[in-house]
Amino acid sequence: MFIAELLGSSTPSVVLFLRPPRFGKSLLISMLSAWFDKAISSQRRSELFAGTNIQRLCDEEGFRETLKPGGYFILHLDFLALAGQIRPLASKK
């Protein structure tokens, strides 16, 4: 499973998702955020992930510590609102 493999023993400190336009990057990041975010209640997470492989794997012995549902604070940065408002550094002279 993707997330279990991603969080394996040799997990990199930074993960880069390269996908073509309109290919589900935002959906993937939203799903990962919903799983790992401390701000989402355990009940809501159970509703969102009921019947999925990650929920079944998390319920198995030994995987809960690896998958850490709700184990992190998530910082979401959206630069779309700044589009067109930031001048390139080269233009500052």
PDB file of N, CA and C in Angstrom:
ATOM      1  N   MET A   1       0.838  -1.165   0.000  1.00  0.00           N
ATOM      2  CA  MET A   1       0.000   0.000   0.000  1.00  0.00           C
ATOM      3  C   MET A   1       0.891   1.240   0.000  1.00  0.00           C
ATOM      4  N   PHE A   2       0.480   2.264  -0.705  1.00  0.00           N
ATOM      5  CA  PHE A   2       1.309   3.447  -0.936  1.00  0.00           C
ATOM      6  C   PHE A   2       1.772   4.120   0.347  1.00  0.00           C
ATOM      7  N   ILE A   3       0.860   4.420   1.265  1.00  0.00           N
ATOM      8  CA  ILE A   3       1.230   5.165   2.464  1.00  0.00           C
ATOM      9  C   ILE A   3       2.131   4.330   3.360  1.00  0.00           C
ATOM     10  N   ALA A   4       1.839   3.057   3.510  1.00  0.00           N
ATOM     11  CA  ALA A   4       2.700   2.188   4.321  1.00  0.00           C
ATOM     12  C   ALA A   4       4.101   2.121   3.712  1.00  0.00           C
ATOM     13  N   GLU A   5       4.189   2.045   2.403  1.00  0.00           N
ATOM     14  CA  GLU A   5       5.496   2.027   1.737  1.00  0.00           C
ATOM     15  C   GLU A   5       6.204   3.366   1.902  1.00  0.00           C
ATOM     16  N   LEU A   6       5.433   4.451   1.812  1.00  0.00           N
ATOM     17  CA  LEU A   6       5.993   5.798   1.958  1.00  0.00           C
ATOM     18  C   LEU A   6       6.594   5.982   3.345  1.00  0.00           C
ATOM     19  N   LEU A   7       5.962   5.404   4.341  1.00  0.00           N
ATOM     20  CA  LEU A   7       6.416   5.554   5.721  1.00  0.00           C
ATOM     21  C   LEU A   7       7.307   4.416   6.184  1.00  0.00           C
ATOM     22  N   GLY A   8       7.845   3.669   5.254  1.00  0.00           N
ATOM     23  CA  GLY A   8       8.723   2.549   5.593  1.00  0.00           C
ATOM     24  C   GLY A   8       9.970   2.987   6.321  1.00  0.00           C
ATOM     25  N   SER A   9      10.853   2.067   6.558  1.00  0.00           N
ATOM     26  CA  SER A   9      12.038   2.331   7.376  1.00  0.00           C
ATOM     27  C   SER A   9      12.983   3.360   6.768  1.00  0.00           C
ATOM     28  N   SER A  10      12.991   3.503   5.455  1.00  0.00           N
ATOM     29  CA  SER A  10      13.906   4.453   4.827  1.00  0.00           C
ATOM     30  C   SER A  10      13.138   5.675   4.309  1.00  0.00           C
ATOM     31  N   THR A  11      12.211   6.178   5.105  1.00  0.00           N
ATOM     32  CA  THR A  11      11.405   7.324   4.708  1.00  0.00           C
ATOM     33  C   THR A  11      12.272   8.555   4.523  1.00  0.00           C
ATOM     34  N   PRO A  12      12.178   9.192   3.363  1.00  0.00           N
ATOM     35  CA  PRO A  12      12.925  10.434   3.167  1.00  0.00           C
ATOM     36  C   PRO A  12      12.297  11.566   3.982  1.00  0.00           C
ATOM     37  N   SER A  13      13.065  12.601   4.263  1.00  0.00           N
ATOM     38  CA  SER A  13      12.532  13.712   5.045  1.00  0.00           C
ATOM     39  C   SER A  13      11.638  14.611   4.197  1.00  0.00           C
ATOM     40  N   VAL A  14      11.796  14.565   2.885  1.00  0.00           N
ATOM     41  CA  VAL A  14      10.968  15.355   1.973  1.00  0.00           C
ATOM     42  C   VAL A  14      10.449  14.429   0.879  1.00  0.00           C
ATOM     43  N   VAL A  15       9.173  14.554   0.580  1.00  0.00           N
ATOM     44  CA  VAL A  15       8.577  13.750  -0.483  1.00  0.00           C
ATOM     45  C   VAL A  15       8.059  14.696  -1.548  1.00  0.00           C
ATOM     46  N   LEU A  16       8.424  14.450  -2.790  1.00  0.00           N
ATOM     47  CA  LEU A  16       8.012  15.288  -3.908  1.00  0.00           C
ATOM     48  C   LEU A  16       7.062  14.487  -4.784  1.00  0.00           C
ATOM     49  N   PHE A  17       5.852  15.004  -4.985  1.00  0.00           N
ATOM     50  CA  PHE A  17       4.861  14.344  -5.825  1.00  0.00           C
ATOM     51  C   PHE A  17       4.833  15.028  -7.185  1.00  0.00           C
ATOM     52  N   LEU A  18       5.332  14.353  -8.192  1.00  0.00           N
ATOM     53  CA  LEU A  18       5.311  14.885  -9.549  1.00  0.00           C
ATOM     54  C   LEU A  18       4.215  14.171 -10.335  1.00  0.00           C
ATOM     55  N   ARG A  19       3.220  14.907 -10.763  1.00  0.00           N
ATOM     56  CA  ARG A  19       2.107  14.347 -11.520  1.00  0.00           C
ATOM     57  C   ARG A  19       1.733  15.356 -12.602  1.00  0.00           C
ATOM     58  N   PRO A  20       1.170  14.879 -13.701  1.00  0.00           N
ATOM     59  CA  PRO A  20       0.725  15.800 -14.748  1.00  0.00           C
ATOM     60  C   PRO A  20      -0.403  16.702 -14.247  1.00  0.00           C
ATOM     61  N   PRO A  21      -0.657  17.813 -14.933  1.00  0.00           N
ATOM     62  CA  PRO A  21      -1.772  18.679 -14.545  1.00  0.00           C
ATOM     63  C   PRO A  21      -3.089  17.904 -14.541  1.00  0.00           C
ATOM     64  N   ARG A  22      -3.963  18.259 -13.612  1.00  0.00           N
ATOM     65  CA  ARG A  22      -5.300  17.671 -13.494  1.00  0.00           C
ATOM     66  C   ARG A  22      -5.237  16.168 -13.191  1.00  0.00           C
ATOM     67  N   PHE A  23      -4.240  15.753 -12.420  1.00  0.00           N
ATOM     68  CA  PHE A  23      -4.047  14.327 -12.171  1.00  0.00           C
ATOM     69  C   PHE A  23      -4.165  13.951 -10.701  1.00  0.00           C
ATOM     70  N   GLY A  24      -4.816  14.785  -9.891  1.00  0.00           N
ATOM     71  CA  GLY A  24      -5.140  14.408  -8.532  1.00  0.00           C
ATOM     72  C   GLY A  24      -4.124  14.725  -7.453  1.00  0.00           C
ATOM     73  N   LYS A  25      -3.211  15.662  -7.703  1.00  0.00           N
ATOM     74  CA  LYS A  25      -2.232  16.005  -6.669  1.00  0.00           C
ATOM     75  C   LYS A  25      -2.916  16.604  -5.443  1.00  0.00           C
ATOM     76  N   SER A  26      -3.827  17.526  -5.658  1.00  0.00           N
ATOM     77  CA  SER A  26      -4.519  18.172  -4.534  1.00  0.00           C
ATOM     78  C   SER A  26      -5.352  17.167  -3.752  1.00  0.00           C
ATOM     79  N   LEU A  27      -5.997  16.260  -4.451  1.00  0.00           N
ATOM     80  CA  LEU A  27      -6.786  15.230  -3.782  1.00  0.00           C
ATOM     81  C   LEU A  27      -5.883  14.332  -2.932  1.00  0.00           C
ATOM     82  N   LEU A  28      -4.739  13.956  -3.464  1.00  0.00           N
ATOM     83  CA  LEU A  28      -3.791  13.121  -2.723  1.00  0.00           C
ATOM     84  C   LEU A  28      -3.306  13.835  -1.463  1.00  0.00           C
ATOM     85  N   ILE A  29      -2.938  15.094  -1.595  1.00  0.00           N
ATOM     86  CA  ILE A  29      -2.445  15.848  -0.446  1.00  0.00           C
ATOM     87  C   ILE A  29      -3.553  16.056   0.583  1.00  0.00           C
ATOM     88  N   SER A  30      -4.772  16.299   0.126  1.00  0.00           N
ATOM     89  CA  SER A  30      -5.904  16.453   1.043  1.00  0.00           C
ATOM     90  C   SER A  30      -6.173  15.167   1.810  1.00  0.00           C
ATOM     91  N   MET A  31      -6.052  14.041   1.119  1.00  0.00           N
ATOM     92  CA  MET A  31      -6.263  12.748   1.769  1.00  0.00           C
ATOM     93  C   MET A  31      -5.170  12.483   2.816  1.00  0.00           C
ATOM     94  N   LEU A  32      -3.930  12.759   2.471  1.00  0.00           N
ATOM     95  CA  LEU A  32      -2.835  12.579   3.421  1.00  0.00           C
ATOM     96  C   LEU A  32      -3.014  13.511   4.625  1.00  0.00           C
ATOM     97  N   SER A  33      -3.433  14.731   4.367  1.00  0.00           N
ATOM     98  CA  SER A  33      -3.680  15.685   5.441  1.00  0.00           C
ATOM     99  C   SER A  33      -4.790  15.202   6.365  1.00  0.00           C
ATOM    100  N   ALA A  34      -5.866  14.692   5.800  1.00  0.00           N
ATOM    101  CA  ALA A  34      -6.979  14.193   6.608  1.00  0.00           C
ATOM    102  C   ALA A  34      -6.539  13.022   7.483  1.00  0.00           C
ATOM    103  N   TRP A  35      -5.616  12.221   7.020  1.00  0.00           N
ATOM    104  CA  TRP A  35      -5.153  11.073   7.799  1.00  0.00           C
ATOM    105  C   TRP A  35      -4.218  11.503   8.927  1.00  0.00           C
ATOM    106  N   PHE A  36      -3.294  12.404   8.639  1.00  0.00           N
ATOM    107  CA  PHE A  36      -2.240  12.727   9.594  1.00  0.00           C
ATOM    108  C   PHE A  36      -2.533  13.913  10.501  1.00  0.00           C
ATOM    109  N   ASP A  37      -3.483  14.764  10.172  1.00  0.00           N
ATOM    110  CA  ASP A  37      -3.715  16.021  10.893  1.00  0.00           C
ATOM    111  C   ASP A  37      -4.289  15.799  12.292  1.00  0.00           C
ATOM    112  N   LYS A  38      -3.644  16.412  13.295  1.00  0.00           N
ATOM    113  CA  LYS A  38      -4.127  16.333  14.672  1.00  0.00           C
ATOM    114  C   LYS A  38      -5.447  17.070  14.855  1.00  0.00           C
ATOM    115  N   ALA A  39      -5.733  18.042  13.983  1.00  0.00           N
ATOM    116  CA  ALA A  39      -6.941  18.852  14.120  1.00  0.00           C
ATOM    117  C   ALA A  39      -8.213  18.072  13.774  1.00  0.00           C
ATOM    118  N   ILE A  40      -8.076  16.944  13.104  1.00  0.00           N
ATOM    119  CA  ILE A  40      -9.241  16.137  12.734  1.00  0.00           C
ATOM    120  C   ILE A  40      -9.477  15.096  13.834  1.00  0.00           C
ATOM    121  N   SER A  41     -10.708  15.027  14.306  1.00  0.00           N
ATOM    122  CA  SER A  41     -11.028  14.106  15.405  1.00  0.00           C
ATOM    123  C   SER A  41     -10.929  12.650  14.939  1.00  0.00           C
ATOM    124  N   SER A  42     -10.697  11.771  15.884  1.00  0.00           N
ATOM    125  CA  SER A  42     -10.621  10.341  15.580  1.00  0.00           C
ATOM    126  C   SER A  42     -11.925   9.832  14.979  1.00  0.00           C
ATOM    127  N   GLN A  43     -13.036  10.355  15.482  1.00  0.00           N
ATOM    128  CA  GLN A  43     -14.344   9.935  14.955  1.00  0.00           C
ATOM    129  C   GLN A  43     -14.498  10.351  13.490  1.00  0.00           C
ATOM    130  N   ARG A  44     -14.131  11.587  13.178  1.00  0.00           N
ATOM    131  CA  ARG A  44     -14.236  12.059  11.789  1.00  0.00           C
ATOM    132  C   ARG A  44     -13.296  11.275  10.876  1.00  0.00           C
ATOM    133  N   ARG A  45     -12.088  10.986  11.356  1.00  0.00           N
ATOM    134  CA  ARG A  45     -11.130  10.207  10.562  1.00  0.00           C
ATOM    135  C   ARG A  45     -11.671   8.813  10.301  1.00  0.00           C
ATOM    136  N   SER A  46     -12.313   8.216  11.301  1.00  0.00           N
ATOM    137  CA  SER A  46     -12.910   6.889  11.122  1.00  0.00           C
ATOM    138  C   SER A  46     -14.021   6.926  10.085  1.00  0.00           C
ATOM    139  N   GLU A  47     -14.811   7.998  10.078  1.00  0.00           N
ATOM    140  CA  GLU A  47     -15.864   8.145   9.070  1.00  0.00           C
ATOM    141  C   GLU A  47     -15.274   8.281   7.672  1.00  0.00           C
ATOM    142  N   LEU A  48     -14.241   9.084   7.549  1.00  0.00           N
ATOM    143  CA  LEU A  48     -13.638   9.328   6.237  1.00  0.00           C
ATOM    144  C   LEU A  48     -12.962   8.092   5.657  1.00  0.00           C
ATOM    145  N   PHE A  49     -12.329   7.301   6.518  1.00  0.00           N
ATOM    146  CA  PHE A  49     -11.509   6.190   6.043  1.00  0.00           C
ATOM    147  C   PHE A  49     -12.123   4.821   6.319  1.00  0.00           C
ATOM    148  N   ALA A  50     -13.388   4.789   6.694  1.00  0.00           N
ATOM    149  CA  ALA A  50     -14.058   3.513   6.988  1.00  0.00           C
ATOM    150  C   ALA A  50     -14.024   2.601   5.764  1.00  0.00           C
ATOM    151  N   GLY A  51     -13.588   1.381   5.963  1.00  0.00           N
ATOM    152  CA  GLY A  51     -13.558   0.396   4.890  1.00  0.00           C
ATOM    153  C   GLY A  51     -12.388   0.498   3.937  1.00  0.00           C
ATOM    154  N   THR A  52     -11.458   1.401   4.186  1.00  0.00           N
ATOM    155  CA  THR A  52     -10.307   1.550   3.290  1.00  0.00           C
ATOM    156  C   THR A  52      -9.153   0.666   3.758  1.00  0.00           C
ATOM    157  N   ASN A  53      -8.215   0.430   2.861  1.00  0.00           N
ATOM    158  CA  ASN A  53      -7.060  -0.399   3.198  1.00  0.00           C
ATOM    159  C   ASN A  53      -6.225   0.206   4.312  1.00  0.00           C
ATOM    160  N   ILE A  54      -6.065   1.527   4.302  1.00  0.00           N
ATOM    161  CA  ILE A  54      -5.231   2.143   5.337  1.00  0.00           C
ATOM    162  C   ILE A  54      -5.865   1.976   6.713  1.00  0.00           C
ATOM    163  N   GLN A  55      -7.178   2.058   6.799  1.00  0.00           N
ATOM    164  CA  GLN A  55      -7.853   1.871   8.090  1.00  0.00           C
ATOM    165  C   GLN A  55      -7.701   0.428   8.566  1.00  0.00           C
ATOM    166  N   ARG A  56      -7.864  -0.534   7.649  1.00  0.00           N
ATOM    167  CA  ARG A  56      -7.695  -1.942   8.022  1.00  0.00           C
ATOM    168  C   ARG A  56      -6.256  -2.222   8.454  1.00  0.00           C
ATOM    169  N   LEU A  57      -5.302  -1.658   7.727  1.00  0.00           N
ATOM    170  CA  LEU A  57      -3.895  -1.864   8.058  1.00  0.00           C
ATOM    171  C   LEU A  57      -3.557  -1.228   9.399  1.00  0.00           C
ATOM    172  N   CYS A  58      -4.128  -0.075   9.658  1.00  0.00           N
ATOM    173  CA  CYS A  58      -3.886   0.621  10.925  1.00  0.00           C
ATOM    174  C   CYS A  58      -4.450  -0.172  12.099  1.00  0.00           C
ATOM    175  N   ASP A  59      -5.554  -0.872  11.882  1.00  0.00           N
ATOM    176  CA  ASP A  59      -6.164  -1.672  12.935  1.00  0.00           C
ATOM    177  C   ASP A  59      -5.367  -2.929  13.251  1.00  0.00           C
ATOM    178  N   GLU A  60      -4.509  -3.349  12.319  1.00  0.00           N
ATOM    179  CA  GLU A  60      -3.678  -4.532  12.550  1.00  0.00           C
ATOM    180  C   GLU A  60      -2.578  -4.206  13.556  1.00  0.00           C
ATOM    181  N   GLU A  61      -2.154  -5.215  14.238  1.00  0.00           N
ATOM    182  CA  GLU A  61      -1.115  -5.060  15.256  1.00  0.00           C
ATOM    183  C   GLU A  61       0.191  -4.576  14.634  1.00  0.00           C
ATOM    184  N   GLY A  62       0.789  -3.560  15.220  1.00  0.00           N
ATOM    185  CA  GLY A  62       2.104  -3.108  14.799  1.00  0.00           C
ATOM    186  C   GLY A  62       2.122  -1.988  13.774  1.00  0.00           C
ATOM    187  N   PHE A  63       1.032  -1.768  13.060  1.00  0.00           N
ATOM    188  CA  PHE A  63       1.051  -0.745  12.025  1.00  0.00           C
ATOM    189  C   PHE A  63       0.593   0.616  12.525  1.00  0.00           C
ATOM    190  N   ARG A  64      -0.111   0.670  13.645  1.00  0.00           N
ATOM    191  CA  ARG A  64      -0.652   1.936  14.134  1.00  0.00           C
ATOM    192  C   ARG A  64       0.470   2.931  14.426  1.00  0.00           C
ATOM    193  N   GLU A  65       1.555   2.480  14.993  1.00  0.00           N
ATOM    194  CA  GLU A  65       2.656   3.384  15.309  1.00  0.00           C
ATOM    195  C   GLU A  65       3.341   3.892  14.044  1.00  0.00           C
ATOM    196  N   THR A  66       3.402   3.070  13.012  1.00  0.00           N
ATOM    197  CA  THR A  66       4.016   3.478  11.754  1.00  0.00           C
ATOM    198  C   THR A  66       3.150   4.480  11.012  1.00  0.00           C
ATOM    199  N   LEU A  67       1.829   4.231  10.969  1.00  0.00           N
ATOM    200  CA  LEU A  67       0.928   5.073  10.179  1.00  0.00           C
ATOM    201  C   LEU A  67       0.491   6.330  10.924  1.00  0.00           C
ATOM    202  N   LYS A  68       0.551   6.350  12.233  1.00  0.00           N
ATOM    203  CA  LYS A  68       0.286   7.511  13.083  1.00  0.00           C
ATOM    204  C   LYS A  68      -0.887   8.373  12.631  1.00  0.00           C
ATOM    205  N   PRO A  69      -2.097   7.843  12.644  1.00  0.00           N
ATOM    206  CA  PRO A  69      -3.239   8.689  12.277  1.00  0.00           C
ATOM    207  C   PRO A  69      -3.402   9.818  13.287  1.00  0.00           C
ATOM    208  N   GLY A  70      -3.532  11.032  12.787  1.00  0.00           N
ATOM    209  CA  GLY A  70      -3.672  12.184  13.669  1.00  0.00           C
ATOM    210  C   GLY A  70      -2.433  12.477  14.476  1.00  0.00           C
ATOM    211  N   GLY A  71      -1.288  12.145  13.945  1.00  0.00           N
ATOM    212  CA  GLY A  71      -0.048  12.283  14.710  1.00  0.00           C
ATOM    213  C   GLY A  71       0.757  13.535  14.442  1.00  0.00           C
ATOM    214  N   TYR A  72       0.279  14.404  13.575  1.00  0.00           N
ATOM    215  CA  TYR A  72       1.085  15.557  13.186  1.00  0.00           C
ATOM    216  C   TYR A  72       0.238  16.820  13.082  1.00  0.00           C
ATOM    217  N   PHE A  73       0.885  17.945  13.281  1.00  0.00           N
ATOM    218  CA  PHE A  73       0.253  19.216  12.966  1.00  0.00           C
ATOM    219  C   PHE A  73       0.524  19.481  11.492  1.00  0.00           C
ATOM    220  N   ILE A  74      -0.497  19.855  10.754  1.00  0.00           N
ATOM    221  CA  ILE A  74      -0.360  20.081   9.311  1.00  0.00           C
ATOM    222  C   ILE A  74      -0.406  21.574   9.023  1.00  0.00           C
ATOM    223  N   LEU A  75       0.563  22.053   8.287  1.00  0.00           N
ATOM    224  CA  LEU A  75       0.614  23.442   7.856  1.00  0.00           C
ATOM    225  C   LEU A  75       0.280  23.481   6.375  1.00  0.00           C
ATOM    226  N   HIS A  76      -0.779  24.185   6.037  1.00  0.00           N
ATOM    227  CA  HIS A  76      -1.221  24.262   4.637  1.00  0.00           C
ATOM    228  C   HIS A  76      -0.896  25.649   4.113  1.00  0.00           C
ATOM    229  N   LEU A  77      -0.061  25.709   3.093  1.00  0.00           N
ATOM    230  CA  LEU A  77       0.291  26.968   2.451  1.00  0.00           C
ATOM    231  C   LEU A  77      -0.339  27.011   1.072  1.00  0.00           C
ATOM    232  N   ASP A  78      -1.079  28.069   0.788  1.00  0.00           N
ATOM    233  CA  ASP A  78      -1.739  28.225  -0.504  1.00  0.00           C
ATOM    234  C   ASP A  78      -1.243  29.518  -1.143  1.00  0.00           C
ATOM    235  N   PHE A  79      -0.423  29.372  -2.160  1.00  0.00           N
ATOM    236  CA  PHE A  79       0.147  30.532  -2.822  1.00  0.00           C
ATOM    237  C   PHE A  79      -0.694  31.031  -3.986  1.00  0.00           C
ATOM    238  N   LEU A  80      -1.795  30.359  -4.268  1.00  0.00           N
ATOM    239  CA  LEU A  80      -2.657  30.773  -5.361  1.00  0.00           C
ATOM    240  C   LEU A  80      -3.213  32.170  -5.139  1.00  0.00           C
ATOM    241  N   ALA A  81      -3.507  32.514  -3.903  1.00  0.00           N
ATOM    242  CA  ALA A  81      -4.053  33.834  -3.602  1.00  0.00           C
ATOM    243  C   ALA A  81      -3.045  34.948  -3.890  1.00  0.00           C
ATOM    244  N   LEU A  82      -1.766  34.626  -3.943  1.00  0.00           N
ATOM    245  CA  LEU A  82      -0.728  35.617  -4.198  1.00  0.00           C
ATOM    246  C   LEU A  82      -0.364  35.737  -5.673  1.00  0.00           C
ATOM    247  N   ALA A  83      -1.001  34.954  -6.510  1.00  0.00           N
ATOM    248  CA  ALA A  83      -0.661  34.955  -7.939  1.00  0.00           C
ATOM    249  C   ALA A  83      -0.792  36.361  -8.510  1.00  0.00           C
ATOM    250  N   GLY A  84       0.259  36.813  -9.156  1.00  0.00           N
ATOM    251  CA  GLY A  84       0.257  38.125  -9.787  1.00  0.00           C
ATOM    252  C   GLY A  84       0.595  39.260  -8.838  1.00  0.00           C
ATOM    253  N   GLN A  85       0.732  38.994  -7.558  1.00  0.00           N
ATOM    254  CA  GLN A  85       1.013  40.051  -6.593  1.00  0.00           C
ATOM    255  C   GLN A  85       2.486  40.104  -6.187  1.00  0.00           C
ATOM    256  N   ILE A  86       3.226  39.086  -6.539  1.00  0.00           N
ATOM    257  CA  ILE A  86       4.633  39.031  -6.160  1.00  0.00           C
ATOM    258  C   ILE A  86       5.487  39.405  -7.358  1.00  0.00           C
ATOM    259  N   ARG A  87       6.328  40.415  -7.172  1.00  0.00           N
ATOM    260  CA  ARG A  87       7.235  40.815  -8.240  1.00  0.00           C
ATOM    261  C   ARG A  87       8.481  39.934  -8.193  1.00  0.00           C
ATOM    262  N   PRO A  88       8.996  39.603  -9.350  1.00  0.00           N
ATOM    263  CA  PRO A  88      10.243  38.823  -9.367  1.00  0.00           C
ATOM    264  C   PRO A  88      11.364  39.599  -8.682  1.00  0.00           C
ATOM    265  N   LEU A  89      12.274  38.895  -8.023  1.00  0.00           N
ATOM    266  CA  LEU A  89      13.394  39.536  -7.337  1.00  0.00           C
ATOM    267  C   LEU A  89      14.275  40.310  -8.303  1.00  0.00           C
ATOM    268  N   ALA A  90      14.379  39.882  -9.539  1.00  0.00           N
ATOM    269  CA  ALA A  90      15.216  40.550 -10.525  1.00  0.00           C
ATOM    270  C   ALA A  90      14.706  41.949 -10.847  1.00  0.00           C
ATOM    271  N   SER A  91      13.434  42.208 -10.652  1.00  0.00           N
ATOM    272  CA  SER A  91      12.887  43.519 -11.000  1.00  0.00           C
ATOM    273  C   SER A  91      13.150  44.557  -9.906  1.00  0.00           C
ATOM    274  N   LYS A  92      13.669  44.138  -8.755  1.00  0.00           N
ATOM    275  CA  LYS A  92      14.004  45.085  -7.676  1.00  0.00           C
ATOM    276  C   LYS A  92      15.390  45.661  -7.921  1.00  0.00           C
ATOM    277  N   LYS A  93      15.441  46.872  -8.452  1.00  0.00           N
ATOM    278  CA  LYS A  93      16.746  47.516  -8.710  1.00  0.00           C
ATOM    279  C   LYS A  93      16.690  48.947  -8.314  1.00  0.00           C
TER     280      LYS A  93
END
